[in-house]
Amino acid sequence: MGVEEIEVVMSTVKSSSISHSFQKNIPQESYFPFTWKILGALLIPVALILLSLDMSLVLRVFLSLLLITLGLMMISTRYGLKVDIEKKTYVVYTWLLGFRIGNPVPFQNIQKYYINSVKEQATVSARSGLSSTISKEVFKAYMKLDTGDKIHLDTHRNKKILESQNNNSAPV
């Protein structure tokens, strides 16, 4: 199965044609896998139970705060993209406990948006020696800049949903 490239927007978008400040924040996938997010959610009630145990108050509070912080971090940490058309910069960042960690990168204009079809595969093996390959098709949306950078916008199993999400969240 080849890579299918579909252009969503063909024309070059020039930031000088926009008279007002325009910033777009595009949340992307989670930093941690789903199973780690479940573990993070379980750490919070464990921290609350820990408060009721019979040990030193300072130790209980310290361990509870540590577990709650780890739990919230595991649940909420994600990647994101911020595009500022007026300043002609974009930032691929990691959102961690309310802080965006990333550096701005300059560009002159956005050339196009496109969607690639990608086949993802995983092989599962059992103790008996049997193995099975699981494959699925996903679609990945990208934005191509004049600098040659290709910025990943989002991934989804349904191409139509991805197209509508990126038409709504496209920076221009």
N, C-alpha and C. Protein backbone atom coordinates (compact mmCIF):
# COMPACT_ATOMS: atom_id res chain seq x y z
N MET A 1 0.85 -1.17 0.00
CA MET A 1 0.00 0.00 0.00
C MET A 1 0.89 1.23 0.00
N GLY A 2 0.76 2.09 -0.99
CA GLY A 2 1.61 3.27 -1.11
C GLY A 2 1.10 4.42 -0.27
N VAL A 3 1.88 5.46 -0.28
CA VAL A 3 1.51 6.66 0.47
C VAL A 3 0.69 7.54 -0.45
N GLU A 4 -0.52 7.84 -0.01
CA GLU A 4 -1.42 8.66 -0.80
C GLU A 4 -1.32 10.10 -0.30
N GLU A 5 -1.01 11.01 -1.16
CA GLU A 5 -0.90 12.41 -0.75
C GLU A 5 -2.08 13.18 -1.30
N ILE A 6 -2.82 13.78 -0.42
CA ILE A 6 -3.99 14.55 -0.81
C ILE A 6 -3.76 15.98 -0.36
N GLU A 7 -3.79 16.90 -1.27
CA GLU A 7 -3.59 18.29 -0.90
C GLU A 7 -4.92 18.89 -0.47
N VAL A 8 -4.94 19.40 0.73
CA VAL A 8 -6.14 20.03 1.26
C VAL A 8 -6.18 21.48 0.82
N VAL A 9 -5.04 22.14 0.84
CA VAL A 9 -4.95 23.53 0.42
C VAL A 9 -3.77 23.63 -0.53
N MET A 10 -4.00 24.12 -1.76
CA MET A 10 -2.93 24.20 -2.74
C MET A 10 -2.21 25.54 -2.71
N SER A 11 -2.95 26.59 -2.48
CA SER A 11 -2.34 27.91 -2.62
C SER A 11 -1.39 28.23 -1.48
N THR A 12 -0.39 29.01 -1.79
CA THR A 12 0.55 29.45 -0.78
C THR A 12 -0.13 30.53 0.06
N VAL A 13 0.01 30.42 1.37
CA VAL A 13 -0.61 31.38 2.27
C VAL A 13 0.47 32.35 2.73
N LYS A 14 0.26 33.60 2.47
CA LYS A 14 1.24 34.61 2.86
C LYS A 14 0.75 35.32 4.11
N SER A 15 1.58 35.39 5.11
CA SER A 15 1.19 36.00 6.37
C SER A 15 1.01 37.50 6.25
N SER A 16 1.61 38.13 5.25
CA SER A 16 1.48 39.58 5.11
C SER A 16 0.06 39.97 4.69
N SER A 17 -0.73 39.02 4.17
CA SER A 17 -2.09 39.33 3.76
C SER A 17 -3.06 39.32 4.94
N ILE A 18 -2.59 38.96 6.12
CA ILE A 18 -3.45 38.92 7.30
C ILE A 18 -3.14 40.15 8.13
N SER A 19 -4.17 40.97 8.38
CA SER A 19 -3.94 42.24 9.04
C SER A 19 -3.98 42.17 10.55
N HIS A 20 -4.52 41.12 11.13
CA HIS A 20 -4.61 41.02 12.58
C HIS A 20 -3.72 39.90 13.10
N SER A 21 -3.45 39.96 14.41
CA SER A 21 -2.63 38.93 15.03
C SER A 21 -3.39 37.61 15.01
N PHE A 22 -2.76 36.55 14.56
CA PHE A 22 -3.43 35.26 14.50
C PHE A 22 -2.52 34.18 15.03
N GLN A 23 -2.95 33.58 16.13
CA GLN A 23 -2.24 32.46 16.71
C GLN A 23 -3.20 31.29 16.76
N LYS A 24 -2.70 30.12 16.46
CA LYS A 24 -3.52 28.92 16.53
C LYS A 24 -2.77 27.87 17.32
N ASN A 25 -3.43 27.34 18.34
CA ASN A 25 -2.86 26.27 19.16
C ASN A 25 -3.55 24.97 18.76
N ILE A 26 -2.79 24.00 18.29
CA ILE A 26 -3.34 22.72 17.83
C ILE A 26 -2.87 21.62 18.76
N PRO A 27 -3.74 21.12 19.66
CA PRO A 27 -3.33 20.02 20.53
C PRO A 27 -3.12 18.75 19.70
N GLN A 28 -2.13 17.98 20.08
CA GLN A 28 -1.83 16.76 19.35
C GLN A 28 -1.92 15.57 20.29
N GLU A 29 -1.26 14.48 19.94
CA GLU A 29 -1.42 13.25 20.71
C GLU A 29 -0.77 13.33 22.10
N SER A 30 -1.19 12.40 22.92
CA SER A 30 -0.70 12.31 24.29
C SER A 30 0.77 11.87 24.30
N TYR A 31 1.50 12.32 25.28
CA TYR A 31 2.90 11.95 25.43
C TYR A 31 3.03 10.51 25.92
N PHE A 32 2.16 10.12 26.86
CA PHE A 32 2.20 8.78 27.42
C PHE A 32 1.17 7.88 26.75
N PRO A 33 1.43 6.57 26.62
CA PRO A 33 0.44 5.65 26.07
C PRO A 33 -0.76 5.53 27.02
N PHE A 34 -1.85 5.00 26.49
CA PHE A 34 -3.11 4.92 27.23
C PHE A 34 -2.95 4.16 28.54
N THR A 35 -2.19 3.06 28.55
CA THR A 35 -2.02 2.28 29.79
C THR A 35 -1.32 3.09 30.88
N TRP A 36 -0.39 3.94 30.50
CA TRP A 36 0.28 4.80 31.48
C TRP A 36 -0.69 5.86 32.01
N LYS A 37 -1.61 6.31 31.15
CA LYS A 37 -2.60 7.28 31.60
C LYS A 37 -3.54 6.65 32.63
N ILE A 38 -3.87 5.38 32.44
CA ILE A 38 -4.70 4.67 33.43
C ILE A 38 -3.94 4.56 34.74
N LEU A 39 -2.66 4.21 34.67
CA LEU A 39 -1.83 4.13 35.86
C LEU A 39 -1.78 5.49 36.57
N GLY A 40 -1.65 6.56 35.81
CA GLY A 40 -1.64 7.90 36.39
C GLY A 40 -2.95 8.22 37.09
N ALA A 41 -4.06 7.80 36.50
CA ALA A 41 -5.37 8.02 37.13
C ALA A 41 -5.50 7.21 38.42
N LEU A 42 -4.88 6.04 38.48
CA LEU A 42 -4.93 5.22 39.69
C LEU A 42 -4.04 5.76 40.81
N LEU A 43 -3.00 6.51 40.45
CA LEU A 43 -2.10 7.07 41.46
C LEU A 43 -2.80 8.11 42.34
N ILE A 44 -3.78 8.81 41.80
CA ILE A 44 -4.46 9.86 42.56
C ILE A 44 -5.26 9.30 43.73
N PRO A 45 -6.13 8.27 43.54
CA PRO A 45 -6.81 7.71 44.72
C PRO A 45 -5.85 7.03 45.69
N VAL A 46 -4.77 6.44 45.18
CA VAL A 46 -3.77 5.83 46.07
C VAL A 46 -3.16 6.91 46.96
N ALA A 47 -2.92 8.09 46.39
CA ALA A 47 -2.36 9.20 47.17
C ALA A 47 -3.34 9.64 48.26
N LEU A 48 -4.63 9.65 47.94
CA LEU A 48 -5.63 10.03 48.94
C LEU A 48 -5.73 8.99 50.05
N ILE A 49 -5.63 7.72 49.69
CA ILE A 49 -5.66 6.65 50.69
C ILE A 49 -4.41 6.75 51.58
N LEU A 50 -3.29 7.09 50.97
CA LEU A 50 -2.03 7.22 51.70
C LEU A 50 -2.12 8.27 52.82
N LEU A 51 -2.94 9.29 52.61
CA LEU A 51 -3.11 10.33 53.63
C LEU A 51 -3.71 9.78 54.93
N SER A 52 -4.50 8.71 54.81
CA SER A 52 -5.17 8.19 56.00
C SER A 52 -4.33 7.15 56.75
N LEU A 53 -3.18 6.77 56.24
CA LEU A 53 -2.35 5.77 56.91
C LEU A 53 -1.70 6.34 58.17
N ASP A 54 -1.30 5.43 59.04
CA ASP A 54 -0.70 5.83 60.31
C ASP A 54 0.82 5.91 60.17
N MET A 55 1.31 7.08 59.76
CA MET A 55 2.73 7.36 59.71
C MET A 55 2.92 8.86 59.83
N SER A 56 4.10 9.34 59.79
CA SER A 56 4.35 10.76 60.04
C SER A 56 3.59 11.63 59.04
N LEU A 57 3.05 12.72 59.51
CA LEU A 57 2.24 13.64 58.69
C LEU A 57 3.06 14.20 57.53
N VAL A 58 4.30 14.57 57.79
CA VAL A 58 5.16 15.14 56.74
C VAL A 58 5.39 14.12 55.63
N LEU A 59 5.66 12.87 56.00
CA LEU A 59 5.89 11.82 55.01
C LEU A 59 4.62 11.55 54.20
N ARG A 60 3.47 11.49 54.88
CA ARG A 60 2.20 11.24 54.18
C ARG A 60 1.91 12.35 53.17
N VAL A 61 2.05 13.59 53.60
CA VAL A 61 1.76 14.72 52.71
C VAL A 61 2.75 14.74 51.54
N PHE A 62 4.03 14.53 51.81
CA PHE A 62 5.04 14.53 50.75
C PHE A 62 4.76 13.44 49.72
N LEU A 63 4.52 12.20 50.19
CA LEU A 63 4.27 11.09 49.26
C LEU A 63 2.96 11.31 48.49
N SER A 64 1.94 11.83 49.15
CA SER A 64 0.66 12.09 48.48
C SER A 64 0.81 13.14 47.39
N LEU A 65 1.50 14.22 47.71
CA LEU A 65 1.73 15.26 46.70
C LEU A 65 2.56 14.75 45.53
N LEU A 66 3.54 13.93 45.83
CA LEU A 66 4.36 13.34 44.78
C LEU A 66 3.52 12.44 43.87
N LEU A 67 2.69 11.58 44.45
CA LEU A 67 1.85 10.68 43.64
C LEU A 67 0.80 11.45 42.84
N ILE A 68 0.21 12.47 43.44
CA ILE A 68 -0.78 13.27 42.72
C ILE A 68 -0.12 14.00 41.55
N THR A 69 1.06 14.56 41.77
CA THR A 69 1.78 15.25 40.69
C THR A 69 2.13 14.29 39.57
N LEU A 70 2.64 13.11 39.92
CA LEU A 70 2.96 12.11 38.89
C LEU A 70 1.70 11.68 38.14
N GLY A 71 0.62 11.46 38.87
CA GLY A 71 -0.64 11.06 38.23
C GLY A 71 -1.14 12.11 37.26
N LEU A 72 -1.17 13.36 37.69
CA LEU A 72 -1.61 14.44 36.80
C LEU A 72 -0.69 14.59 35.60
N MET A 73 0.61 14.42 35.82
CA MET A 73 1.56 14.51 34.72
C MET A 73 1.31 13.40 33.70
N MET A 74 1.08 12.19 34.18
CA MET A 74 0.86 11.06 33.27
C MET A 74 -0.45 11.20 32.50
N ILE A 75 -1.45 11.81 33.12
CA ILE A 75 -2.76 11.97 32.47
C ILE A 75 -2.74 13.09 31.44
N SER A 76 -2.10 14.21 31.77
CA SER A 76 -2.28 15.41 30.96
C SER A 76 -1.14 15.78 30.02
N THR A 77 0.03 15.20 30.13
CA THR A 77 1.15 15.58 29.26
C THR A 77 0.86 15.18 27.82
N ARG A 78 1.06 16.13 26.92
CA ARG A 78 0.77 15.90 25.51
C ARG A 78 1.65 16.79 24.64
N TYR A 79 1.64 16.49 23.35
CA TYR A 79 2.34 17.31 22.38
C TYR A 79 1.36 18.34 21.83
N GLY A 80 1.90 19.41 21.27
CA GLY A 80 1.05 20.42 20.65
C GLY A 80 1.84 21.23 19.65
N LEU A 81 1.10 22.03 18.90
CA LEU A 81 1.70 22.90 17.88
C LEU A 81 1.04 24.26 18.01
N LYS A 82 1.86 25.30 18.09
CA LYS A 82 1.36 26.66 18.14
C LYS A 82 1.92 27.40 16.94
N VAL A 83 1.04 27.96 16.11
CA VAL A 83 1.45 28.71 14.93
C VAL A 83 1.05 30.16 15.13
N ASP A 84 2.00 31.07 14.99
CA ASP A 84 1.75 32.50 15.09
C ASP A 84 2.02 33.11 13.72
N ILE A 85 0.93 33.45 13.02
CA ILE A 85 1.05 33.97 11.65
C ILE A 85 1.70 35.35 11.64
N GLU A 86 1.36 36.21 12.62
CA GLU A 86 1.91 37.56 12.63
C GLU A 86 3.43 37.56 12.84
N LYS A 87 3.89 36.75 13.78
CA LYS A 87 5.34 36.67 14.06
C LYS A 87 6.05 35.71 13.11
N LYS A 88 5.28 34.98 12.32
CA LYS A 88 5.82 34.00 11.36
C LYS A 88 6.69 32.96 12.07
N THR A 89 6.14 32.38 13.14
CA THR A 89 6.84 31.34 13.88
C THR A 89 5.88 30.20 14.21
N TYR A 90 6.45 29.04 14.45
CA TYR A 90 5.69 27.92 14.98
C TYR A 90 6.51 27.28 16.10
N VAL A 91 5.81 26.65 17.03
CA VAL A 91 6.46 25.97 18.14
C VAL A 91 5.84 24.59 18.26
N VAL A 92 6.65 23.55 18.14
CA VAL A 92 6.22 22.19 18.47
C VAL A 92 6.62 22.02 19.94
N TYR A 93 5.60 21.87 20.80
CA TYR A 93 5.89 21.87 22.22
C TYR A 93 5.37 20.62 22.92
N THR A 94 5.85 20.43 24.14
CA THR A 94 5.32 19.41 25.05
C THR A 94 4.64 20.16 26.18
N TRP A 95 3.35 19.86 26.40
CA TRP A 95 2.59 20.49 27.47
C TRP A 95 2.76 19.63 28.71
N LEU A 96 3.39 20.21 29.74
CA LEU A 96 3.70 19.47 30.96
C LEU A 96 3.25 20.29 32.17
N LEU A 97 2.21 19.82 32.84
CA LEU A 97 1.67 20.45 34.05
C LEU A 97 1.43 21.96 33.85
N GLY A 98 0.87 22.32 32.70
CA GLY A 98 0.52 23.70 32.43
C GLY A 98 1.60 24.53 31.77
N PHE A 99 2.77 23.97 31.57
CA PHE A 99 3.87 24.69 30.93
C PHE A 99 4.11 24.14 29.53
N ARG A 100 4.32 25.05 28.57
CA ARG A 100 4.66 24.65 27.20
C ARG A 100 6.17 24.67 27.06
N ILE A 101 6.74 23.52 26.72
CA ILE A 101 8.19 23.40 26.58
C ILE A 101 8.51 23.23 25.10
N GLY A 102 9.13 24.23 24.52
CA GLY A 102 9.49 24.19 23.10
C GLY A 102 10.04 25.54 22.67
N ASN A 103 10.71 25.57 21.55
CA ASN A 103 11.33 26.81 21.05
C ASN A 103 10.68 27.23 19.73
N PRO A 104 10.45 28.55 19.54
CA PRO A 104 9.86 29.01 18.29
C PRO A 104 10.83 28.85 17.11
N VAL A 105 10.26 28.50 15.97
CA VAL A 105 11.04 28.34 14.74
C VAL A 105 10.42 29.26 13.68
N PRO A 106 11.23 30.10 13.01
CA PRO A 106 10.68 31.04 12.02
C PRO A 106 10.34 30.36 10.68
N PHE A 107 9.37 30.96 9.98
CA PHE A 107 9.03 30.56 8.61
C PHE A 107 8.47 31.79 7.89
N GLN A 108 8.42 31.75 6.57
CA GLN A 108 7.86 32.86 5.80
C GLN A 108 6.41 32.62 5.39
N ASN A 109 6.12 31.40 4.91
CA ASN A 109 4.74 31.10 4.54
C ASN A 109 4.48 29.59 4.59
N ILE A 110 3.20 29.27 4.62
CA ILE A 110 2.76 27.87 4.62
C ILE A 110 2.44 27.51 3.17
N GLN A 111 3.08 26.47 2.65
CA GLN A 111 2.87 26.11 1.26
C GLN A 111 1.60 25.29 1.05
N LYS A 112 1.39 24.27 1.91
CA LYS A 112 0.21 23.42 1.72
C LYS A 112 -0.05 22.55 2.94
N TYR A 113 -1.23 22.00 2.97
CA TYR A 113 -1.62 20.99 3.95
C TYR A 113 -1.86 19.71 3.16
N TYR A 114 -1.47 18.57 3.73
CA TYR A 114 -1.74 17.31 3.04
C TYR A 114 -1.93 16.19 4.05
N ILE A 115 -2.53 15.10 3.56
CA ILE A 115 -2.81 13.93 4.40
C ILE A 115 -2.19 12.71 3.75
N ASN A 116 -1.42 11.94 4.55
CA ASN A 116 -0.82 10.69 4.09
C ASN A 116 -1.56 9.51 4.70
N SER A 117 -1.67 8.46 3.92
CA SER A 117 -2.21 7.20 4.40
C SER A 117 -1.02 6.34 4.84
N VAL A 118 -1.08 5.83 6.09
CA VAL A 118 0.03 5.07 6.65
C VAL A 118 -0.49 3.74 7.17
N LYS A 119 0.25 2.67 6.92
CA LYS A 119 -0.11 1.35 7.43
C LYS A 119 0.74 1.06 8.66
N GLU A 120 0.08 0.89 9.81
CA GLU A 120 0.79 0.57 11.05
C GLU A 120 0.63 -0.92 11.32
N GLN A 121 1.72 -1.57 11.74
CA GLN A 121 1.71 -3.01 12.01
C GLN A 121 2.31 -3.30 13.37
N ALA A 122 1.76 -4.34 14.01
CA ALA A 122 2.32 -4.83 15.27
C ALA A 122 2.25 -6.35 15.24
N THR A 123 3.30 -7.00 15.71
CA THR A 123 3.33 -8.46 15.78
C THR A 123 3.16 -8.89 17.22
N VAL A 124 2.19 -9.78 17.46
CA VAL A 124 1.91 -10.28 18.80
C VAL A 124 2.32 -11.74 18.83
N SER A 125 3.12 -12.12 19.83
CA SER A 125 3.58 -13.50 19.96
C SER A 125 3.07 -14.10 21.26
N ALA A 126 2.78 -15.40 21.21
CA ALA A 126 2.33 -16.13 22.39
C ALA A 126 3.44 -17.08 22.83
N ARG A 127 3.32 -17.58 24.06
CA ARG A 127 4.33 -18.54 24.56
C ARG A 127 4.38 -19.81 23.74
N SER A 128 3.28 -20.16 23.11
CA SER A 128 3.24 -21.39 22.34
C SER A 128 4.02 -21.30 21.03
N GLY A 129 4.51 -20.10 20.72
CA GLY A 129 5.29 -19.93 19.50
C GLY A 129 4.46 -19.35 18.36
N LEU A 130 3.17 -19.24 18.55
CA LEU A 130 2.33 -18.65 17.52
C LEU A 130 2.47 -17.13 17.54
N SER A 131 2.48 -16.56 16.37
CA SER A 131 2.52 -15.10 16.30
C SER A 131 1.48 -14.62 15.29
N SER A 132 1.01 -13.43 15.51
CA SER A 132 0.00 -12.85 14.63
C SER A 132 0.38 -11.40 14.37
N THR A 133 0.17 -10.96 13.14
CA THR A 133 0.46 -9.58 12.78
C THR A 133 -0.85 -8.82 12.65
N ILE A 134 -0.92 -7.73 13.37
CA ILE A 134 -2.11 -6.87 13.33
C ILE A 134 -1.72 -5.61 12.57
N SER A 135 -2.53 -5.25 11.59
CA SER A 135 -2.23 -4.03 10.85
C SER A 135 -3.49 -3.19 10.72
N LYS A 136 -3.28 -1.88 10.66
CA LYS A 136 -4.39 -0.96 10.47
C LYS A 136 -3.90 0.24 9.67
N GLU A 137 -4.83 0.86 8.99
CA GLU A 137 -4.50 2.04 8.21
C GLU A 137 -4.91 3.28 9.01
N VAL A 138 -3.98 4.22 9.12
CA VAL A 138 -4.27 5.50 9.76
C VAL A 138 -3.88 6.61 8.80
N PHE A 139 -4.42 7.80 9.07
CA PHE A 139 -4.15 8.95 8.23
C PHE A 139 -3.45 10.01 9.07
N LYS A 140 -2.42 10.63 8.50
CA LYS A 140 -1.65 11.65 9.20
C LYS A 140 -1.69 12.94 8.40
N ALA A 141 -2.07 14.03 9.08
CA ALA A 141 -2.14 15.35 8.43
C ALA A 141 -0.85 16.11 8.71
N TYR A 142 -0.36 16.80 7.68
CA TYR A 142 0.87 17.57 7.78
C TYR A 142 0.67 18.96 7.19
N MET A 143 1.56 19.87 7.59
CA MET A 143 1.61 21.21 7.04
C MET A 143 3.04 21.39 6.51
N LYS A 144 3.17 21.80 5.25
CA LYS A 144 4.50 22.01 4.67
C LYS A 144 4.79 23.50 4.60
N LEU A 145 5.97 23.88 5.12
CA LEU A 145 6.38 25.28 5.14
C LEU A 145 7.38 25.57 4.04
N ASP A 146 7.60 26.85 3.76
CA ASP A 146 8.55 27.25 2.73
C ASP A 146 9.98 26.85 3.07
N THR A 147 10.26 26.59 4.34
CA THR A 147 11.61 26.19 4.77
C THR A 147 11.88 24.72 4.45
N GLY A 148 10.85 24.02 4.00
CA GLY A 148 10.97 22.59 3.73
C GLY A 148 10.53 21.73 4.90
N ASP A 149 10.29 22.36 6.06
CA ASP A 149 9.83 21.61 7.24
C ASP A 149 8.43 21.07 6.99
N LYS A 150 8.23 19.83 7.40
CA LYS A 150 6.91 19.21 7.36
C LYS A 150 6.47 19.00 8.80
N ILE A 151 5.41 19.67 9.21
CA ILE A 151 4.96 19.65 10.59
C ILE A 151 3.75 18.74 10.71
N HIS A 152 3.84 17.75 11.60
CA HIS A 152 2.74 16.82 11.84
C HIS A 152 1.64 17.55 12.61
N LEU A 153 0.40 17.52 12.08
CA LEU A 153 -0.73 18.18 12.73
C LEU A 153 -1.54 17.22 13.58
N ASP A 154 -1.90 16.06 13.02
CA ASP A 154 -2.77 15.14 13.75
C ASP A 154 -2.77 13.78 13.06
N THR A 155 -3.25 12.76 13.78
CA THR A 155 -3.39 11.40 13.26
C THR A 155 -4.78 10.90 13.61
N HIS A 156 -5.43 10.21 12.68
CA HIS A 156 -6.76 9.66 12.95
C HIS A 156 -6.99 8.45 12.04
N ARG A 157 -7.87 7.55 12.48
CA ARG A 157 -8.21 6.37 11.68
C ARG A 157 -9.17 6.71 10.54
N ASN A 158 -9.97 7.77 10.73
CA ASN A 158 -10.97 8.15 9.75
C ASN A 158 -10.49 9.41 9.00
N LYS A 159 -10.33 9.26 7.70
CA LYS A 159 -9.80 10.35 6.88
C LYS A 159 -10.73 11.56 6.84
N LYS A 160 -12.03 11.33 6.76
CA LYS A 160 -12.99 12.44 6.69
C LYS A 160 -12.99 13.26 7.98
N ILE A 161 -12.89 12.58 9.11
CA ILE A 161 -12.83 13.29 10.39
C ILE A 161 -11.55 14.11 10.46
N LEU A 162 -10.44 13.53 10.03
CA LEU A 162 -9.16 14.23 10.03
C LEU A 162 -9.21 15.46 9.14
N GLU A 163 -9.81 15.33 7.95
CA GLU A 163 -9.93 16.47 7.05
C GLU A 163 -10.75 17.58 7.67
N SER A 164 -11.88 17.22 8.29
CA SER A 164 -12.73 18.26 8.89
C SER A 164 -12.05 18.91 10.09
N GLN A 165 -11.34 18.13 10.90
CA GLN A 165 -10.63 18.69 12.05
C GLN A 165 -9.54 19.64 11.60
N ASN A 166 -8.81 19.30 10.57
CA ASN A 166 -7.71 20.15 10.12
C ASN A 166 -8.19 21.33 9.31
N ASN A 167 -9.35 21.22 8.68
CA ASN A 167 -9.91 22.41 8.04
C ASN A 167 -10.34 23.42 9.09
N ASN A 168 -10.85 22.92 10.23
CA ASN A 168 -11.26 23.80 11.32
C ASN A 168 -10.09 24.32 12.11
N SER A 169 -9.02 23.55 12.24
CA SER A 169 -7.89 23.96 13.08
C SER A 169 -6.71 24.50 12.29
N ALA A 170 -6.82 24.52 10.96
CA ALA A 170 -5.71 25.05 10.17
C ALA A 170 -5.42 26.48 10.58
N PRO A 171 -4.17 26.85 10.68
CA PRO A 171 -3.81 28.17 11.17
C PRO A 171 -4.33 29.32 10.32
N VAL A 172 -4.65 29.09 9.07
CA VAL A 172 -5.15 30.17 8.22
C VAL A 172 -6.31 29.68 7.41
